[in-house]
N, C-alpha and C. Protein backbone atom coordinates (compact mmCIF):
# COMPACT_ATOMS: atom_id res chain seq x y z
N MET A 1 123.12 182.11 61.77
CA MET A 1 123.47 180.90 61.08
C MET A 1 124.91 180.49 61.41
N ALA A 2 125.82 181.45 61.39
CA ALA A 2 127.22 181.16 61.69
C ALA A 2 127.37 180.67 63.13
N SER A 3 126.58 181.25 64.05
CA SER A 3 126.68 180.82 65.45
C SER A 3 126.15 179.39 65.62
N ASN A 4 125.16 178.98 64.81
CA ASN A 4 124.68 177.61 64.86
C ASN A 4 125.76 176.63 64.42
N LYS A 5 126.53 177.02 63.42
CA LYS A 5 127.63 176.17 62.95
C LYS A 5 128.70 176.05 64.02
N VAL A 6 128.97 177.14 64.70
CA VAL A 6 129.98 177.13 65.77
C VAL A 6 129.50 176.22 66.91
N VAL A 7 128.25 176.37 67.32
CA VAL A 7 127.71 175.55 68.39
C VAL A 7 127.73 174.08 67.99
N PHE A 8 127.31 173.78 66.77
CA PHE A 8 127.33 172.41 66.28
C PHE A 8 128.75 171.86 66.25
N SER A 9 129.69 172.66 65.77
CA SER A 9 131.09 172.22 65.71
C SER A 9 131.64 171.94 67.10
N VAL A 10 131.32 172.79 68.06
CA VAL A 10 131.80 172.60 69.43
C VAL A 10 131.19 171.33 70.03
N LEU A 11 129.90 171.12 69.81
CA LEU A 11 129.24 169.91 70.32
C LEU A 11 129.82 168.66 69.67
N LEU A 12 130.03 168.72 68.37
CA LEU A 12 130.60 167.58 67.65
C LEU A 12 132.01 167.28 68.18
N LEU A 13 132.81 168.32 68.38
CA LEU A 13 134.15 168.14 68.91
C LEU A 13 134.11 167.53 70.31
N ALA A 14 133.17 167.96 71.14
CA ALA A 14 133.05 167.41 72.49
C ALA A 14 132.68 165.93 72.45
N VAL A 15 131.75 165.57 71.58
CA VAL A 15 131.35 164.17 71.47
C VAL A 15 132.50 163.31 70.97
N VAL A 16 133.21 163.78 69.97
CA VAL A 16 134.34 163.03 69.43
C VAL A 16 135.43 162.88 70.49
N SER A 17 135.66 163.93 71.27
CA SER A 17 136.68 163.86 72.33
C SER A 17 136.32 162.82 73.38
N VAL A 18 135.06 162.79 73.79
CA VAL A 18 134.62 161.81 74.78
C VAL A 18 134.76 160.41 74.22
N LEU A 19 134.36 160.20 72.98
CA LEU A 19 134.49 158.88 72.36
C LEU A 19 135.94 158.45 72.24
N ALA A 20 136.80 159.37 71.87
CA ALA A 20 138.22 159.04 71.76
C ALA A 20 138.83 158.72 73.11
N ALA A 21 138.40 159.44 74.14
CA ALA A 21 138.94 159.21 75.48
C ALA A 21 138.54 157.85 76.04
N THR A 22 137.38 157.35 75.64
CA THR A 22 136.92 156.07 76.17
C THR A 22 137.15 154.91 75.21
N ALA A 23 137.77 155.15 74.07
CA ALA A 23 137.93 154.11 73.06
C ALA A 23 138.81 152.96 73.53
N THR A 24 139.78 153.24 74.40
CA THR A 24 140.67 152.17 74.83
C THR A 24 140.20 151.51 76.12
N MET A 25 139.00 151.85 76.58
CA MET A 25 138.52 151.31 77.83
C MET A 25 137.15 150.67 77.63
N ALA A 26 137.05 149.40 77.95
CA ALA A 26 135.77 148.71 77.86
C ALA A 26 135.26 148.47 79.26
N GLU A 27 133.95 148.45 79.42
CA GLU A 27 133.35 148.30 80.73
C GLU A 27 132.54 147.02 80.76
N TYR A 28 132.64 146.28 81.84
CA TYR A 28 131.76 145.15 82.04
C TYR A 28 131.43 145.04 83.52
N HIS A 29 130.40 144.32 83.82
CA HIS A 29 129.96 144.18 85.20
C HIS A 29 130.35 142.80 85.72
N HIS A 30 130.95 142.78 86.89
CA HIS A 30 131.37 141.54 87.52
C HIS A 30 130.98 141.62 88.99
N GLN A 31 130.08 140.77 89.40
CA GLN A 31 129.61 140.72 90.79
C GLN A 31 129.22 142.11 91.29
N ASP A 32 128.33 142.77 90.54
CA ASP A 32 127.78 144.09 90.88
C ASP A 32 128.84 145.20 90.95
N GLN A 33 129.98 145.00 90.31
CA GLN A 33 130.99 146.04 90.23
C GLN A 33 131.24 146.37 88.77
N VAL A 34 131.50 147.63 88.49
CA VAL A 34 131.90 148.02 87.15
C VAL A 34 133.41 147.87 87.08
N VAL A 35 133.88 147.12 86.10
CA VAL A 35 135.30 146.86 85.94
C VAL A 35 135.72 147.41 84.59
N TYR A 36 136.79 148.17 84.56
CA TYR A 36 137.28 148.73 83.31
C TYR A 36 138.50 147.92 82.86
N THR A 37 138.54 147.61 81.58
CA THR A 37 139.64 146.85 81.03
C THR A 37 140.13 147.53 79.76
N PRO A 38 141.33 147.21 79.32
CA PRO A 38 141.81 147.77 78.07
C PRO A 38 140.89 147.38 76.92
N GLY A 39 140.71 148.28 76.02
CA GLY A 39 139.84 148.04 74.87
C GLY A 39 140.62 147.48 73.69
N PRO A 40 139.99 147.51 72.53
CA PRO A 40 140.59 146.90 71.34
C PRO A 40 141.83 147.63 70.82
N LEU A 41 142.08 148.85 71.28
CA LEU A 41 143.26 149.58 70.81
C LEU A 41 144.54 149.15 71.54
N CYS A 42 144.40 148.37 72.60
CA CYS A 42 145.57 147.89 73.35
C CYS A 42 146.02 146.56 72.77
N GLN A 43 146.57 146.62 71.58
CA GLN A 43 147.07 145.43 70.90
C GLN A 43 148.46 145.72 70.37
N PRO A 44 149.24 144.68 70.12
CA PRO A 44 150.58 144.89 69.57
C PRO A 44 150.50 145.69 68.28
N GLY A 45 151.33 146.71 68.19
CA GLY A 45 151.36 147.54 66.99
C GLY A 45 150.38 148.69 67.04
N MET A 46 149.47 148.68 68.00
CA MET A 46 148.50 149.79 68.12
C MET A 46 148.72 150.54 69.42
N GLY A 47 148.53 149.87 70.55
CA GLY A 47 148.69 150.52 71.85
C GLY A 47 150.11 150.41 72.40
N TYR A 48 150.88 149.52 71.82
CA TYR A 48 152.27 149.31 72.23
C TYR A 48 153.00 148.61 71.09
N PRO A 49 154.34 148.59 71.11
CA PRO A 49 155.09 147.99 69.99
C PRO A 49 154.84 146.48 69.84
N MET A 50 155.10 145.98 68.66
CA MET A 50 154.94 144.55 68.39
C MET A 50 155.85 143.71 69.29
N TYR A 51 157.06 144.18 69.53
CA TYR A 51 158.00 143.51 70.43
C TYR A 51 158.18 144.44 71.63
N PRO A 52 157.23 144.37 72.60
CA PRO A 52 157.24 145.37 73.65
C PRO A 52 158.29 145.13 74.74
N LEU A 53 158.81 146.22 75.24
CA LEU A 53 159.59 146.24 76.47
C LEU A 53 160.80 145.30 76.48
N PRO A 54 161.68 145.39 75.49
CA PRO A 54 162.82 144.45 75.46
C PRO A 54 163.73 144.53 76.69
N ARG A 55 163.91 145.72 77.24
CA ARG A 55 164.76 145.83 78.43
C ARG A 55 164.04 145.28 79.66
N CYS A 56 162.71 145.36 79.67
CA CYS A 56 161.95 144.79 80.78
C CYS A 56 162.03 143.27 80.76
N ARG A 57 162.14 142.68 79.58
CA ARG A 57 162.33 141.23 79.48
C ARG A 57 163.59 140.83 80.24
N ALA A 58 164.66 141.55 79.97
CA ALA A 58 165.93 141.25 80.63
C ALA A 58 165.82 141.47 82.14
N LEU A 59 165.15 142.55 82.54
CA LEU A 59 165.01 142.86 83.96
C LEU A 59 164.20 141.80 84.69
N VAL A 60 163.09 141.39 84.11
CA VAL A 60 162.22 140.39 84.74
C VAL A 60 162.97 139.06 84.88
N LYS A 61 163.73 138.68 83.87
CA LYS A 61 164.52 137.44 83.97
C LYS A 61 165.56 137.55 85.08
N ARG A 62 166.23 138.70 85.17
CA ARG A 62 167.24 138.90 86.23
C ARG A 62 166.59 138.85 87.61
N GLN A 63 165.43 139.51 87.75
CA GLN A 63 164.74 139.52 89.04
C GLN A 63 164.30 138.11 89.43
N CYS A 64 163.91 137.34 88.46
CA CYS A 64 163.40 136.00 88.73
C CYS A 64 164.48 135.10 89.35
N VAL A 65 165.69 135.26 88.91
CA VAL A 65 166.77 134.42 89.45
C VAL A 65 167.55 135.12 90.56
N GLY A 66 167.09 136.31 90.95
CA GLY A 66 167.69 136.99 92.09
C GLY A 66 168.95 137.77 91.78
N ARG A 67 169.19 138.09 90.51
CA ARG A 67 170.34 138.92 90.17
C ARG A 67 169.85 140.32 89.84
N GLY A 68 170.71 141.30 89.98
CA GLY A 68 170.31 142.64 89.57
C GLY A 68 170.79 143.76 90.46
N THR A 69 171.97 143.64 91.06
CA THR A 69 172.44 144.71 91.93
C THR A 69 173.59 145.50 91.32
N ALA A 70 174.18 145.04 90.25
CA ALA A 70 175.33 145.71 89.64
C ALA A 70 174.90 146.96 88.87
N ALA A 71 175.87 147.74 88.45
CA ALA A 71 175.60 148.95 87.67
C ALA A 71 174.89 148.61 86.36
N ALA A 72 175.25 147.50 85.76
CA ALA A 72 174.58 147.09 84.52
C ALA A 72 173.10 146.84 84.77
N ALA A 73 172.79 146.24 85.91
CA ALA A 73 171.39 145.98 86.26
C ALA A 73 170.63 147.29 86.46
N GLU A 74 171.29 148.29 87.00
CA GLU A 74 170.66 149.60 87.20
C GLU A 74 170.33 150.23 85.85
N GLN A 75 171.21 150.08 84.89
CA GLN A 75 170.93 150.61 83.55
C GLN A 75 169.76 149.87 82.90
N VAL A 76 169.70 148.56 83.08
CA VAL A 76 168.59 147.77 82.55
C VAL A 76 167.29 148.24 83.19
N ARG A 77 167.30 148.48 84.50
CA ARG A 77 166.11 148.96 85.20
C ARG A 77 165.65 150.31 84.66
N ARG A 78 166.59 151.24 84.51
CA ARG A 78 166.23 152.56 83.99
C ARG A 78 165.66 152.46 82.58
N ASP A 79 166.30 151.64 81.73
CA ASP A 79 165.81 151.47 80.36
C ASP A 79 164.42 150.85 80.34
N CYS A 80 164.21 149.84 81.19
CA CYS A 80 162.89 149.19 81.27
C CYS A 80 161.83 150.20 81.69
N CYS A 81 162.11 150.96 82.72
CA CYS A 81 161.12 151.93 83.21
C CYS A 81 160.82 152.99 82.17
N ARG A 82 161.83 153.40 81.41
CA ARG A 82 161.60 154.35 80.31
C ARG A 82 160.69 153.74 79.26
N GLN A 83 160.94 152.48 78.91
CA GLN A 83 160.12 151.81 77.90
C GLN A 83 158.68 151.64 78.38
N LEU A 84 158.50 151.29 79.64
CA LEU A 84 157.15 151.11 80.17
C LEU A 84 156.41 152.45 80.23
N ALA A 85 157.09 153.51 80.65
CA ALA A 85 156.48 154.83 80.70
C ALA A 85 156.15 155.34 79.30
N ALA A 86 156.88 154.87 78.29
CA ALA A 86 156.65 155.32 76.91
C ALA A 86 155.39 154.72 76.29
N VAL A 87 154.80 153.72 76.93
CA VAL A 87 153.50 153.22 76.45
C VAL A 87 152.51 154.32 76.79
N ASP A 88 152.10 155.05 75.75
CA ASP A 88 151.32 156.29 75.94
C ASP A 88 150.05 156.10 76.74
N ASP A 89 149.30 155.08 76.43
CA ASP A 89 148.02 154.87 77.08
C ASP A 89 148.24 153.99 78.30
N SER A 90 148.04 154.55 79.50
CA SER A 90 148.31 153.78 80.71
C SER A 90 147.44 152.53 80.81
N TRP A 91 146.28 152.53 80.13
CA TRP A 91 145.43 151.34 80.11
C TRP A 91 146.10 150.19 79.38
N CYS A 92 147.05 150.48 78.51
CA CYS A 92 147.70 149.44 77.70
C CYS A 92 148.96 148.88 78.34
N ARG A 93 149.42 149.43 79.44
CA ARG A 93 150.68 148.98 80.02
C ARG A 93 150.63 147.53 80.47
N CYS A 94 149.57 147.12 81.14
CA CYS A 94 149.49 145.72 81.59
C CYS A 94 149.34 144.78 80.40
N GLU A 95 148.64 145.23 79.36
CA GLU A 95 148.54 144.41 78.15
C GLU A 95 149.90 144.24 77.51
N ALA A 96 150.70 145.31 77.49
CA ALA A 96 152.05 145.23 76.92
C ALA A 96 152.91 144.26 77.75
N ILE A 97 152.76 144.30 79.06
CA ILE A 97 153.51 143.39 79.94
C ILE A 97 153.06 141.95 79.69
N SER A 98 151.78 141.75 79.53
CA SER A 98 151.25 140.41 79.25
C SER A 98 151.82 139.88 77.93
N HIS A 99 151.84 140.73 76.92
CA HIS A 99 152.38 140.34 75.62
C HIS A 99 153.88 140.04 75.73
N MET A 100 154.58 140.85 76.52
CA MET A 100 156.01 140.63 76.75
C MET A 100 156.24 139.27 77.41
N LEU A 101 155.41 138.95 78.40
CA LEU A 101 155.52 137.68 79.11
C LEU A 101 155.32 136.50 78.15
N GLY A 102 154.31 136.61 77.29
CA GLY A 102 154.10 135.57 76.28
C GLY A 102 155.31 135.42 75.37
N GLY A 103 155.94 136.55 75.03
CA GLY A 103 157.15 136.51 74.21
C GLY A 103 158.31 135.82 74.91
N ILE A 104 158.44 136.05 76.22
CA ILE A 104 159.49 135.38 76.99
C ILE A 104 159.28 133.87 76.94
N TYR A 105 158.03 133.45 77.14
CA TYR A 105 157.74 132.01 77.10
C TYR A 105 158.06 131.42 75.73
N ARG A 106 157.68 132.13 74.67
CA ARG A 106 157.97 131.63 73.32
C ARG A 106 159.47 131.55 73.07
N GLU A 107 160.22 132.58 73.49
CA GLU A 107 161.67 132.59 73.32
C GLU A 107 162.33 131.43 74.05
N LEU A 108 161.79 131.07 75.19
CA LEU A 108 162.36 130.00 76.00
C LEU A 108 161.82 128.62 75.61
N GLY A 109 160.84 128.60 74.72
CA GLY A 109 160.24 127.33 74.32
C GLY A 109 159.34 126.75 75.41
N ALA A 110 158.87 127.60 76.31
CA ALA A 110 158.00 127.15 77.40
C ALA A 110 156.54 127.31 76.98
N PRO A 111 155.66 126.47 77.50
CA PRO A 111 154.24 126.64 77.19
C PRO A 111 153.71 127.94 77.80
N ASP A 112 152.70 128.52 77.17
CA ASP A 112 152.12 129.77 77.67
C ASP A 112 151.48 129.62 79.05
N VAL A 113 150.97 128.45 79.33
CA VAL A 113 150.31 128.22 80.61
C VAL A 113 150.98 127.05 81.30
N GLY A 114 151.03 127.10 82.61
CA GLY A 114 151.64 126.01 83.35
C GLY A 114 151.52 126.24 84.84
N HIS A 115 151.99 125.29 85.59
CA HIS A 115 151.95 125.35 87.05
C HIS A 115 152.91 126.44 87.54
N PRO A 116 152.49 127.26 88.53
CA PRO A 116 153.34 128.34 89.02
C PRO A 116 154.70 127.88 89.56
N MET A 117 154.78 126.63 90.02
CA MET A 117 156.04 126.14 90.58
C MET A 117 156.95 125.52 89.52
N SER A 118 156.47 125.39 88.28
CA SER A 118 157.31 124.79 87.24
C SER A 118 158.40 125.78 86.84
N GLU A 119 159.56 125.22 86.54
CA GLU A 119 160.71 126.04 86.18
C GLU A 119 160.62 126.43 84.71
N VAL A 120 160.72 127.73 84.45
CA VAL A 120 160.67 128.24 83.08
C VAL A 120 162.07 128.20 82.48
N PHE A 121 163.05 128.58 83.27
CA PHE A 121 164.46 128.40 82.92
C PHE A 121 165.21 128.22 84.23
N ARG A 122 166.44 127.80 84.16
CA ARG A 122 167.20 127.43 85.35
C ARG A 122 167.13 128.51 86.44
N GLY A 123 166.59 128.12 87.60
CA GLY A 123 166.51 129.02 88.74
C GLY A 123 165.31 129.96 88.73
N CYS A 124 164.42 129.80 87.77
CA CYS A 124 163.29 130.72 87.66
C CYS A 124 161.98 129.96 87.48
N ARG A 125 161.12 130.07 88.49
CA ARG A 125 159.80 129.42 88.41
C ARG A 125 158.80 130.36 87.74
N ARG A 126 157.83 129.76 87.08
CA ARG A 126 156.80 130.49 86.35
C ARG A 126 156.11 131.54 87.24
N GLY A 127 155.71 131.17 88.42
CA GLY A 127 155.02 132.10 89.31
C GLY A 127 155.88 133.30 89.67
N ASP A 128 157.18 133.07 89.90
CA ASP A 128 158.09 134.16 90.22
C ASP A 128 158.25 135.11 89.04
N LEU A 129 158.37 134.54 87.84
CA LEU A 129 158.51 135.35 86.63
C LEU A 129 157.26 136.21 86.43
N GLU A 130 156.09 135.61 86.61
CA GLU A 130 154.83 136.34 86.42
C GLU A 130 154.64 137.43 87.48
N ARG A 131 155.02 137.17 88.71
CA ARG A 131 154.92 138.21 89.76
C ARG A 131 155.88 139.36 89.48
N ALA A 132 157.09 139.03 89.03
CA ALA A 132 158.06 140.08 88.70
C ALA A 132 157.52 140.95 87.56
N ALA A 133 156.94 140.32 86.55
CA ALA A 133 156.39 141.08 85.42
C ALA A 133 155.20 141.91 85.86
N ALA A 134 154.31 141.33 86.67
CA ALA A 134 153.10 142.03 87.10
C ALA A 134 153.41 143.26 87.95
N SER A 135 154.53 143.23 88.66
CA SER A 135 154.86 144.35 89.55
C SER A 135 155.70 145.43 88.88
N LEU A 136 155.99 145.29 87.58
CA LEU A 136 156.80 146.30 86.90
C LEU A 136 156.25 147.73 87.03
N PRO A 137 154.94 147.96 86.88
CA PRO A 137 154.47 149.35 87.03
C PRO A 137 154.80 149.94 88.40
N ALA A 138 154.64 149.17 89.47
CA ALA A 138 154.98 149.66 90.81
C ALA A 138 156.48 149.86 90.93
N PHE A 139 157.25 148.91 90.42
CA PHE A 139 158.71 148.97 90.47
C PHE A 139 159.21 150.22 89.76
N CYS A 140 158.57 150.56 88.63
CA CYS A 140 158.97 151.71 87.83
C CYS A 140 158.24 152.99 88.20
N ASN A 141 157.29 152.88 89.11
CA ASN A 141 156.49 154.03 89.53
C ASN A 141 155.79 154.69 88.35
N VAL A 142 155.15 153.87 87.50
CA VAL A 142 154.35 154.39 86.40
C VAL A 142 152.89 154.06 86.66
N ASP A 143 152.03 154.90 86.17
CA ASP A 143 150.60 154.78 86.43
C ASP A 143 149.96 153.65 85.62
N ILE A 144 149.14 152.87 86.30
CA ILE A 144 148.18 151.99 85.64
C ILE A 144 146.86 152.26 86.33
N PRO A 145 145.81 152.47 85.57
CA PRO A 145 144.56 152.94 86.17
C PRO A 145 143.81 151.91 87.00
N ASN A 146 144.06 150.63 86.82
CA ASN A 146 143.22 149.66 87.52
C ASN A 146 144.00 148.54 88.18
N GLY A 147 145.20 148.78 88.56
CA GLY A 147 145.98 147.77 89.27
C GLY A 147 146.21 148.21 90.70
N GLY A 148 145.86 147.37 91.63
CA GLY A 148 146.05 147.71 93.04
C GLY A 148 147.52 147.88 93.38
N GLY A 149 147.90 149.05 93.85
CA GLY A 149 149.28 149.31 94.25
C GLY A 149 150.28 149.26 93.11
N GLY A 150 149.83 149.50 91.89
CA GLY A 150 150.73 149.50 90.74
C GLY A 150 151.04 148.10 90.24
N VAL A 151 150.22 147.12 90.57
CA VAL A 151 150.46 145.74 90.14
C VAL A 151 149.37 145.33 89.16
N CYS A 152 149.76 144.76 88.06
CA CYS A 152 148.81 144.22 87.09
C CYS A 152 148.28 142.92 87.70
N TYR A 153 147.27 143.05 88.54
CA TYR A 153 146.84 141.94 89.40
C TYR A 153 146.42 140.71 88.63
N TRP A 154 145.88 140.85 87.42
CA TRP A 154 145.46 139.65 86.69
C TRP A 154 146.65 138.87 86.17
N LEU A 155 147.82 139.49 86.08
CA LEU A 155 149.04 138.78 85.72
C LEU A 155 149.61 138.07 86.94
N ALA A 156 149.49 138.70 88.10
CA ALA A 156 150.10 138.17 89.31
C ALA A 156 149.38 136.96 89.87
N ARG A 157 148.13 136.77 89.48
CA ARG A 157 147.38 135.63 89.99
C ARG A 157 147.65 134.38 89.20
N SER A 158 146.74 133.94 88.41
CA SER A 158 146.83 132.60 87.80
C SER A 158 147.48 132.62 86.43
N GLY A 159 148.54 133.34 86.27
CA GLY A 159 149.17 133.39 84.96
C GLY A 159 148.66 134.58 84.19
N TYR A 160 149.24 134.80 83.04
CA TYR A 160 148.87 135.99 82.28
C TYR A 160 147.72 135.66 81.42
């Protein structure tokens, strides 16, 4: 009887572990391919902070206008990469970047969607800002499970 309880407990633990491991990943089929995307746990306050990646905001803005070679810029880069790596679930990193990008637009009073060539702020076009944000995982050498070459590809294309 005790061994049945142990076997049941081990099986239950295995099932719960598998469910927990896949909870942040949703699967859908697109053109005969299985595509994995962040699940419902990748939301502000759950998978990443409500105000995510504040140092990455500064870095992306600097990159967009072509500044960032001084010692201060190096500290901003290190801080940004630490913040991005601190997002525990690698599936949530691109979501956190997307949320950060939306926050940048709100802070600047820019619409969430627009033409890639439109200027978001002086010297910075929307497309450049989005590409800089999308490439943060590669820039910081942090893992994202479904971005080609460390790029959040859905951010780099037609907006976030």
